[in-house]
Each structure stands twice: as structure tokens, then as C-alpha cells.
PDB file of N, CA and C in Angstrom:
ATOM      1  N   MET A   1     114.769  35.211  89.422  1.00  0.00           N
ATOM      2  CA  MET A   1     113.433  35.045  89.926  1.00  0.00           C
ATOM      3  C   MET A   1     113.341  35.735  91.291  1.00  0.00           C
ATOM      4  N   PRO A   2     112.276  36.569  91.540  1.00  0.00           N
ATOM      5  CA  PRO A   2     112.170  37.249  92.824  1.00  0.00           C
ATOM      6  C   PRO A   2     112.007  36.262  93.970  1.00  0.00           C
ATOM      7  N   LYS A   3     112.622  36.584  95.096  1.00  0.00           N
ATOM      8  CA  LYS A   3     112.495  35.741  96.289  1.00  0.00           C
ATOM      9  C   LYS A   3     112.237  36.668  97.468  1.00  0.00           C
ATOM     10  N   LEU A   4     111.309  36.292  98.320  1.00  0.00           N
ATOM     11  CA  LEU A   4     110.927  37.103  99.461  1.00  0.00           C
ATOM     12  C   LEU A   4     111.301  36.390 100.752  1.00  0.00           C
ATOM     13  N   GLY A   5     112.120  37.034 101.568  1.00  0.00           N
ATOM     14  CA  GLY A   5     112.458  36.491 102.870  1.00  0.00           C
ATOM     15  C   GLY A   5     112.658  34.992 102.855  1.00  0.00           C
ATOM     16  N   GLY A   6     111.876  34.277 103.675  1.00  0.00           N
ATOM     17  CA  GLY A   6     111.963  32.825 103.752  1.00  0.00           C
ATOM     18  C   GLY A   6     111.039  32.124 102.775  1.00  0.00           C
ATOM     19  N   MET A   7     110.418  32.879 101.888  1.00  0.00           N
ATOM     20  CA  MET A   7     109.471  32.285 100.936  1.00  0.00           C
ATOM     21  C   MET A   7     110.193  31.755  99.715  1.00  0.00           C
ATOM     22  N   GLU A   8     109.524  30.835  99.040  1.00  0.00           N
ATOM     23  CA  GLU A   8     110.018  30.331  97.764  1.00  0.00           C
ATOM     24  C   GLU A   8     109.915  31.442  96.719  1.00  0.00           C
ATOM     25  N   PRO A   9     110.733  31.382  95.669  1.00  0.00           N
ATOM     26  CA  PRO A   9     110.619  32.388  94.612  1.00  0.00           C
ATOM     27  C   PRO A   9     109.256  32.300  93.922  1.00  0.00           C
ATOM     28  N   LEU A  10     108.796  33.450  93.433  1.00  0.00           N
ATOM     29  CA  LEU A  10     107.552  33.446  92.666  1.00  0.00           C
ATOM     30  C   LEU A  10     107.798  32.714  91.354  1.00  0.00           C
ATOM     31  N   PRO A  11     106.834  31.941  90.897  1.00  0.00           N
ATOM     32  CA  PRO A  11     107.017  31.234  89.626  1.00  0.00           C
ATOM     33  C   PRO A  11     107.094  32.222  88.466  1.00  0.00           C
ATOM     34  N   ALA A  12     107.790  31.832  87.429  1.00  0.00           N
ATOM     35  CA  ALA A  12     107.953  32.707  86.260  1.00  0.00           C
ATOM     36  C   ALA A  12     106.606  33.059  85.635  1.00  0.00           C
ATOM     37  N   ASP A  13     105.632  32.172  85.750  1.00  0.00           N
ATOM     38  CA  ASP A  13     104.319  32.416  85.154  1.00  0.00           C
ATOM     39  C   ASP A  13     103.278  32.831  86.208  1.00  0.00           C
ATOM     40  N   PHE A  14     103.727  33.546  87.238  1.00  0.00           N
ATOM     41  CA  PHE A  14     102.859  33.981  88.329  1.00  0.00           C
ATOM     42  C   PHE A  14     101.662  34.776  87.813  1.00  0.00           C
ATOM     43  N   ALA A  15     101.868  35.711  86.889  1.00  0.00           N
ATOM     44  CA  ALA A  15     100.773  36.545  86.369  1.00  0.00           C
ATOM     45  C   ALA A  15      99.710  35.685  85.693  1.00  0.00           C
ATOM     46  N   ARG A  16     100.123  34.702  84.919  1.00  0.00           N
ATOM     47  CA  ARG A  16      99.171  33.820  84.243  1.00  0.00           C
ATOM     48  C   ARG A  16      98.408  33.001  85.271  1.00  0.00           C
ATOM     49  N   GLN A  17      99.116  32.484  86.257  1.00  0.00           N
ATOM     50  CA  GLN A  17      98.466  31.680  87.287  1.00  0.00           C
ATOM     51  C   GLN A  17      97.456  32.518  88.069  1.00  0.00           C
ATOM     52  N   LEU A  18      97.810  33.748  88.360  1.00  0.00           N
ATOM     53  CA  LEU A  18      96.903  34.632  89.079  1.00  0.00           C
ATOM     54  C   LEU A  18      95.661  34.907  88.241  1.00  0.00           C
ATOM     55  N   ALA A  19      95.846  35.170  86.971  1.00  0.00           N
ATOM     56  CA  ALA A  19      94.706  35.436  86.078  1.00  0.00           C
ATOM     57  C   ALA A  19      93.742  34.254  86.045  1.00  0.00           C
ATOM     58  N   GLU A  20      94.253  33.049  86.184  1.00  0.00           N
ATOM     59  CA  GLU A  20      93.410  31.850  86.150  1.00  0.00           C
ATOM     60  C   GLU A  20      92.510  31.715  87.376  1.00  0.00           C
ATOM     61  N   VAL A  21      92.856  32.351  88.493  1.00  0.00           N
ATOM     62  CA  VAL A  21      92.055  32.209  89.709  1.00  0.00           C
ATOM     63  C   VAL A  21      91.206  33.442  90.006  1.00  0.00           C
ATOM     64  N   LEU A  22      91.310  34.466  89.161  1.00  0.00           N
ATOM     65  CA  LEU A  22      90.535  35.686  89.361  1.00  0.00           C
ATOM     66  C   LEU A  22      89.148  35.577  88.752  1.00  0.00           C
ATOM     67  N   GLN A  23      88.226  36.257  89.386  1.00  0.00           N
ATOM     68  CA  GLN A  23      86.883  36.350  88.829  1.00  0.00           C
ATOM     69  C   GLN A  23      86.983  37.157  87.534  1.00  0.00           C
ATOM     70  N   PRO A  24      86.402  36.677  86.448  1.00  0.00           N
ATOM     71  CA  PRO A  24      86.454  37.426  85.193  1.00  0.00           C
ATOM     72  C   PRO A  24      85.928  38.854  85.384  1.00  0.00           C
ATOM     73  N   GLY A  25      86.662  39.795  84.831  1.00  0.00           N
ATOM     74  CA  GLY A  25      86.310  41.202  84.952  1.00  0.00           C
ATOM     75  C   GLY A  25      87.013  41.913  86.089  1.00  0.00           C
ATOM     76  N   ASP A  26      87.649  41.166  87.002  1.00  0.00           N
ATOM     77  CA  ASP A  26      88.332  41.782  88.143  1.00  0.00           C
ATOM     78  C   ASP A  26      89.837  41.921  87.925  1.00  0.00           C
ATOM     79  N   GLU A  27      90.290  41.722  86.708  1.00  0.00           N
ATOM     80  CA  GLU A  27      91.734  41.799  86.437  1.00  0.00           C
ATOM     81  C   GLU A  27      92.300  43.197  86.728  1.00  0.00           C
ATOM     82  N   GLY A  28      91.558  44.238  86.372  1.00  0.00           N
ATOM     83  CA  GLY A  28      92.031  45.603  86.619  1.00  0.00           C
ATOM     84  C   GLY A  28      92.165  45.895  88.100  1.00  0.00           C
ATOM     85  N   ALA A  29      91.170  45.501  88.864  1.00  0.00           N
ATOM     86  CA  ALA A  29      91.226  45.693  90.316  1.00  0.00           C
ATOM     87  C   ALA A  29      92.373  44.887  90.915  1.00  0.00           C
ATOM     88  N   ALA A  30      92.575  43.680  90.389  1.00  0.00           N
ATOM     89  CA  ALA A  30      93.679  42.844  90.876  1.00  0.00           C
ATOM     90  C   ALA A  30      95.015  43.525  90.606  1.00  0.00           C
ATOM     91  N   ALA A  31      95.162  44.123  89.434  1.00  0.00           N
ATOM     92  CA  ALA A  31      96.405  44.818  89.107  1.00  0.00           C
ATOM     93  C   ALA A  31      96.648  45.968  90.078  1.00  0.00           C
ATOM     94  N   GLU A  32      95.601  46.706  90.426  1.00  0.00           N
ATOM     95  CA  GLU A  32      95.740  47.810  91.381  1.00  0.00           C
ATOM     96  C   GLU A  32      96.175  47.295  92.750  1.00  0.00           C
ATOM     97  N   VAL A  33      95.565  46.211  93.199  1.00  0.00           N
ATOM     98  CA  VAL A  33      95.901  45.648  94.509  1.00  0.00           C
ATOM     99  C   VAL A  33      97.336  45.118  94.502  1.00  0.00           C
ATOM    100  N   ILE A  34      97.727  44.431  93.439  1.00  0.00           N
ATOM    101  CA  ILE A  34      99.096  43.906  93.348  1.00  0.00           C
ATOM    102  C   ILE A  34     100.103  45.052  93.349  1.00  0.00           C
ATOM    103  N   GLN A  35      99.805  46.128  92.626  1.00  0.00           N
ATOM    104  CA  GLN A  35     100.707  47.292  92.626  1.00  0.00           C
ATOM    105  C   GLN A  35     100.864  47.859  94.027  1.00  0.00           C
ATOM    106  N   ALA A  36      99.762  47.928  94.773  1.00  0.00           N
ATOM    107  CA  ALA A  36      99.842  48.417  96.151  1.00  0.00           C
ATOM    108  C   ALA A  36     100.616  47.431  97.026  1.00  0.00           C
ATOM    109  N   ALA A  37     100.393  46.146  96.824  1.00  0.00           N
ATOM    110  CA  ALA A  37     101.051  45.122  97.647  1.00  0.00           C
ATOM    111  C   ALA A  37     102.562  45.133  97.455  1.00  0.00           C
ATOM    112  N   ILE A  38     103.028  45.350  96.236  1.00  0.00           N
ATOM    113  CA  ILE A  38     104.481  45.316  96.027  1.00  0.00           C
ATOM    114  C   ILE A  38     105.181  46.515  96.639  1.00  0.00           C
ATOM    115  N   ARG A  39     104.433  47.506  97.073  1.00  0.00           N
ATOM    116  CA  ARG A  39     105.020  48.663  97.768  1.00  0.00           C
ATOM    117  C   ARG A  39     105.150  48.416  99.271  1.00  0.00           C
ATOM    118  N   LEU A  40     104.565  47.319  99.742  1.00  0.00           N
ATOM    119  CA  LEU A  40     104.637  46.988 101.169  1.00  0.00           C
ATOM    120  C   LEU A  40     106.048  46.550 101.539  1.00  0.00           C
ATOM    121  N   ASP A  41     106.351  46.614 102.827  1.00  0.00           N
ATOM    122  CA  ASP A  41     107.625  46.052 103.265  1.00  0.00           C
ATOM    123  C   ASP A  41     107.574  44.535 103.102  1.00  0.00           C
ATOM    124  N   ASP A  42     108.722  43.894 103.225  1.00  0.00           N
ATOM    125  CA  ASP A  42     108.825  42.453 102.959  1.00  0.00           C
ATOM    126  C   ASP A  42     107.875  41.617 103.810  1.00  0.00           C
ATOM    127  N   VAL A  43     107.739  41.947 105.080  1.00  0.00           N
ATOM    128  CA  VAL A  43     106.889  41.160 105.976  1.00  0.00           C
ATOM    129  C   VAL A  43     105.431  41.275 105.558  1.00  0.00           C
ATOM    130  N   ARG A  44     104.988  42.482 105.286  1.00  0.00           N
ATOM    131  CA  ARG A  44     103.584  42.664 104.898  1.00  0.00           C
ATOM    132  C   ARG A  44     103.304  42.076 103.519  1.00  0.00           C
ATOM    133  N   LEU A  45     104.255  42.175 102.599  1.00  0.00           N
ATOM    134  CA  LEU A  45     104.082  41.553 101.287  1.00  0.00           C
ATOM    135  C   LEU A  45     104.003  40.037 101.439  1.00  0.00           C
ATOM    136  N   GLU A  46     104.857  39.489 102.273  1.00  0.00           N
ATOM    137  CA  GLU A  46     104.807  38.045 102.526  1.00  0.00           C
ATOM    138  C   GLU A  46     103.451  37.659 103.113  1.00  0.00           C
ATOM    139  N   ASN A  47     102.904  38.482 104.024  1.00  0.00           N
ATOM    140  CA  ASN A  47     101.583  38.229 104.594  1.00  0.00           C
ATOM    141  C   ASN A  47     100.514  38.245 103.507  1.00  0.00           C
ATOM    142  N   PHE A  48     100.571  39.237 102.616  1.00  0.00           N
ATOM    143  CA  PHE A  48      99.605  39.332 101.527  1.00  0.00           C
ATOM    144  C   PHE A  48      99.646  38.071 100.666  1.00  0.00           C
ATOM    145  N   LEU A  49     100.834  37.671 100.282  1.00  0.00           N
ATOM    146  CA  LEU A  49     100.972  36.484  99.436  1.00  0.00           C
ATOM    147  C   LEU A  49     100.530  35.221 100.164  1.00  0.00           C
ATOM    148  N   ALA A  50     100.774  35.153 101.467  1.00  0.00           N
ATOM    149  CA  ALA A  50     100.333  33.993 102.247  1.00  0.00           C
ATOM    150  C   ALA A  50      98.807  33.935 102.305  1.00  0.00           C
ATOM    151  N   LEU A  51      98.164  35.085 102.503  1.00  0.00           N
ATOM    152  CA  LEU A  51      96.703  35.131 102.514  1.00  0.00           C
ATOM    153  C   LEU A  51      96.143  34.718 101.164  1.00  0.00           C
ATOM    154  N   LEU A  52      96.742  35.217 100.105  1.00  0.00           N
ATOM    155  CA  LEU A  52      96.305  34.871  98.756  1.00  0.00           C
ATOM    156  C   LEU A  52      96.499  33.378  98.492  1.00  0.00           C
ATOM    157  N   ALA A  53      97.649  32.859  98.850  1.00  0.00           N
ATOM    158  CA  ALA A  53      97.947  31.444  98.624  1.00  0.00           C
ATOM    159  C   ALA A  53      96.984  30.546  99.412  1.00  0.00           C
ATOM    160  N   GLU A  54      96.697  30.915 100.656  1.00  0.00           N
ATOM    161  CA  GLU A  54      95.771  30.128 101.467  1.00  0.00           C
ATOM    162  C   GLU A  54      94.383  30.118 100.837  1.00  0.00           C
ATOM    163  N   ARG A  55      93.966  31.251 100.327  1.00  0.00           N
ATOM    164  CA  ARG A  55      92.642  31.331  99.682  1.00  0.00           C
ATOM    165  C   ARG A  55      92.591  30.446  98.434  1.00  0.00           C
ATOM    166  N   VAL A  56      93.652  30.457  97.642  1.00  0.00           N
ATOM    167  CA  VAL A  56      93.701  29.622  96.435  1.00  0.00           C
ATOM    168  C   VAL A  56      93.643  28.146  96.819  1.00  0.00           C
ATOM    169  N   ARG A  57      94.358  27.773  97.876  1.00  0.00           N
ATOM    170  CA  ARG A  57      94.363  26.371  98.325  1.00  0.00           C
ATOM    171  C   ARG A  57      93.013  25.942  98.891  1.00  0.00           C
ATOM    172  N   SER A  58      92.305  26.869  99.525  1.00  0.00           N
ATOM    173  CA  SER A  58      91.099  26.496 100.268  1.00  0.00           C
ATOM    174  C   SER A  58      89.818  26.478  99.444  1.00  0.00           C
ATOM    175  N   SER A  59      89.822  27.072  98.263  1.00  0.00           N
ATOM    176  CA  SER A  59      88.589  27.131  97.481  1.00  0.00           C
ATOM    177  C   SER A  59      88.887  27.259  95.995  1.00  0.00           C
ATOM    178  N   ALA A  60      88.095  26.579  95.192  1.00  0.00           N
ATOM    179  CA  ALA A  60      88.231  26.671  93.733  1.00  0.00           C
ATOM    180  C   ALA A  60      87.427  27.839  93.171  1.00  0.00           C
ATOM    181  N   ARG A  61      86.658  28.496  94.033  1.00  0.00           N
ATOM    182  CA  ARG A  61      85.859  29.646  93.618  1.00  0.00           C
ATOM    183  C   ARG A  61      86.787  30.783  93.167  1.00  0.00           C
ATOM    184  N   PRO A  62      86.446  31.493  92.079  1.00  0.00           N
ATOM    185  CA  PRO A  62      87.294  32.604  91.634  1.00  0.00           C
ATOM    186  C   PRO A  62      87.425  33.681  92.720  1.00  0.00           C
ATOM    187  N   ILE A  63      88.581  34.280  92.790  1.00  0.00           N
ATOM    188  CA  ILE A  63      88.855  35.345  93.764  1.00  0.00           C
ATOM    189  C   ILE A  63      88.349  36.661  93.182  1.00  0.00           C
ATOM    190  N   ASN A  64      87.620  37.428  93.992  1.00  0.00           N
ATOM    191  CA  ASN A  64      87.083  38.686  93.495  1.00  0.00           C
ATOM    192  C   ASN A  64      87.841  39.880  94.070  1.00  0.00           C
ATOM    193  N   ARG A  65      87.516  41.043  93.530  1.00  0.00           N
ATOM    194  CA  ARG A  65      88.225  42.275  93.932  1.00  0.00           C
ATOM    195  C   ARG A  65      88.088  42.562  95.421  1.00  0.00           C
ATOM    196  N   ALA A  66      86.925  42.303  96.002  1.00  0.00           N
ATOM    197  CA  ALA A  66      86.732  42.577  97.431  1.00  0.00           C
ATOM    198  C   ALA A  66      87.652  41.706  98.286  1.00  0.00           C
ATOM    199  N   GLU A  67      87.802  40.445  97.908  1.00  0.00           N
ATOM    200  CA  GLU A  67      88.707  39.563  98.652  1.00  0.00           C
ATOM    201  C   GLU A  67      90.140  40.069  98.560  1.00  0.00           C
ATOM    202  N   LEU A  68      90.576  40.430  97.360  1.00  0.00           N
ATOM    203  CA  LEU A  68      91.949  40.924  97.194  1.00  0.00           C
ATOM    204  C   LEU A  68      92.192  42.164  98.030  1.00  0.00           C
ATOM    205  N   ARG A  69      91.243  43.077  98.015  1.00  0.00           N
ATOM    206  CA  ARG A  69      91.393  44.298  98.834  1.00  0.00           C
ATOM    207  C   ARG A  69      91.407  43.952 100.312  1.00  0.00           C
ATOM    208  N   GLY A  70      90.619  42.945 100.699  1.00  0.00           N
ATOM    209  CA  GLY A  70      90.632  42.491 102.084  1.00  0.00           C
ATOM    210  C   GLY A  70      91.980  41.903 102.484  1.00  0.00           C
ATOM    211  N   PHE A  71      92.588  41.140 101.580  1.00  0.00           N
ATOM    212  CA  PHE A  71      93.918  40.583 101.858  1.00  0.00           C
ATOM    213  C   PHE A  71      94.931  41.709 102.034  1.00  0.00           C
ATOM    214  N   LEU A  72      94.828  42.745 101.192  1.00  0.00           N
ATOM    215  CA  LEU A  72      95.748  43.876 101.295  1.00  0.00           C
ATOM    216  C   LEU A  72      95.560  44.593 102.627  1.00  0.00           C
ATOM    217  N   ARG A  73      94.305  44.853 103.000  1.00  0.00           N
ATOM    218  CA  ARG A  73      94.038  45.510 104.286  1.00  0.00           C
ATOM    219  C   ARG A  73      94.566  44.673 105.444  1.00  0.00           C
ATOM    220  N   ALA A  74      94.277  43.383 105.416  1.00  0.00           N
ATOM    221  CA  ALA A  74      94.726  42.497 106.496  1.00  0.00           C
ATOM    222  C   ALA A  74      96.249  42.473 106.587  1.00  0.00           C
ATOM    223  N   SER A  75      96.914  42.437 105.448  1.00  0.00           N
ATOM    224  CA  SER A  75      98.381  42.360 105.472  1.00  0.00           C
ATOM    225  C   SER A  75      98.995  43.657 105.976  1.00  0.00           C
ATOM    226  N   THR A  76      98.364  44.793 105.717  1.00  0.00           N
ATOM    227  CA  THR A  76      98.915  46.053 106.210  1.00  0.00           C
ATOM    228  C   THR A  76      98.694  46.212 107.709  1.00  0.00           C
ATOM    229  N   LYS A  77      97.735  45.450 108.250  1.00  0.00           N
ATOM    230  CA  LYS A  77      97.483  45.466 109.701  1.00  0.00           C
ATOM    231  C   LYS A  77      98.314  44.410 110.416  1.00  0.00           C
ATOM    232  N   GLY A  78      99.102  43.664 109.641  1.00  0.00           N
ATOM    233  CA  GLY A  78      99.961  42.649 110.238  1.00  0.00           C
ATOM    234  C   GLY A  78      99.273  41.322 110.482  1.00  0.00           C
ATOM    235  N   GLU A  79      98.054  41.155 109.938  1.00  0.00           N
ATOM    236  CA  GLU A  79      97.370  39.875 110.101  1.00  0.00           C
ATOM    237  C   GLU A  79      98.009  38.839 109.219  1.00  0.00           C
ATOM    238  N   ARG A  80      97.930  37.586 109.626  1.00  0.00           N
ATOM    239  CA  ARG A  80      98.561  36.480 108.883  1.00  0.00           C
ATOM    240  C   ARG A  80      97.516  35.457 108.511  1.00  0.00           C
ATOM    241  N   ALA A  81      97.863  34.690 107.520  1.00  0.00           N
ATOM    242  CA  ALA A  81      96.984  33.575 107.134  1.00  0.00           C
ATOM    243  C   ALA A  81      96.974  32.553 108.247  1.00  0.00           C
ATOM    244  N   ALA A  82      95.904  31.818 108.352  1.00  0.00           N
ATOM    245  CA  ALA A  82      95.808  30.752 109.358  1.00  0.00           C
ATOM    246  C   ALA A  82      96.959  29.785 109.173  1.00  0.00           C
ATOM    247  N   GLY A  83      97.587  29.427 110.276  1.00  0.00           N
ATOM    248  CA  GLY A  83      98.688  28.475 110.223  1.00  0.00           C
ATOM    249  C   GLY A  83     100.031  29.098 109.907  1.00  0.00           C
ATOM    250  N   SER A  84     100.076  30.435 109.745  1.00  0.00           N
ATOM    251  CA  SER A  84     101.355  31.106 109.439  1.00  0.00           C
ATOM    252  C   SER A  84     102.060  31.520 110.696  1.00  0.00           C
TER     253      SER A  84
END
């Protein structure tokens, strides 16, 4: 199971869990953003996942492509989720 820095390993069913929180129709955009995110260095990838995780915890509203792209932009600028 993949493990990032000080983070817990990603769950085996991460893709299914992600699909459950995405806005219907945004799966393709999500795949593009995830592909870009996995090319980031460990710190920025951890930031991306932290931003995504915080968003999932904070709202039951489906995540859309614009939010995902925003998380990617923020993580490449070194921004962190609140409380990180």
C-alpha cells in the first residue's frame, strides 16, 4: 500500500472512495488532476491530499473539477490545508 511521508497509507479502495465524492461528470477532470498531482514532490502531493481530505471532511457537497484544480494549484504554491 502506498505511504507518503508522515501520512497514513492510501486505502486500497481510494479510487472508489474518490468517485463517491466527485460531482457526476467530473471523473475525467479528476483523473487529469490526480495524474498531475502524483507527479508532484512528496511535500506538495501531501499538501494536495490534505486539501482534498479537509474538503471531504468539511462538506457533503460533491467535489467539482474547479475545486480539484484549485487544490492542485494551491499545493504547487506550497499552501496547506487549515490546521496542517
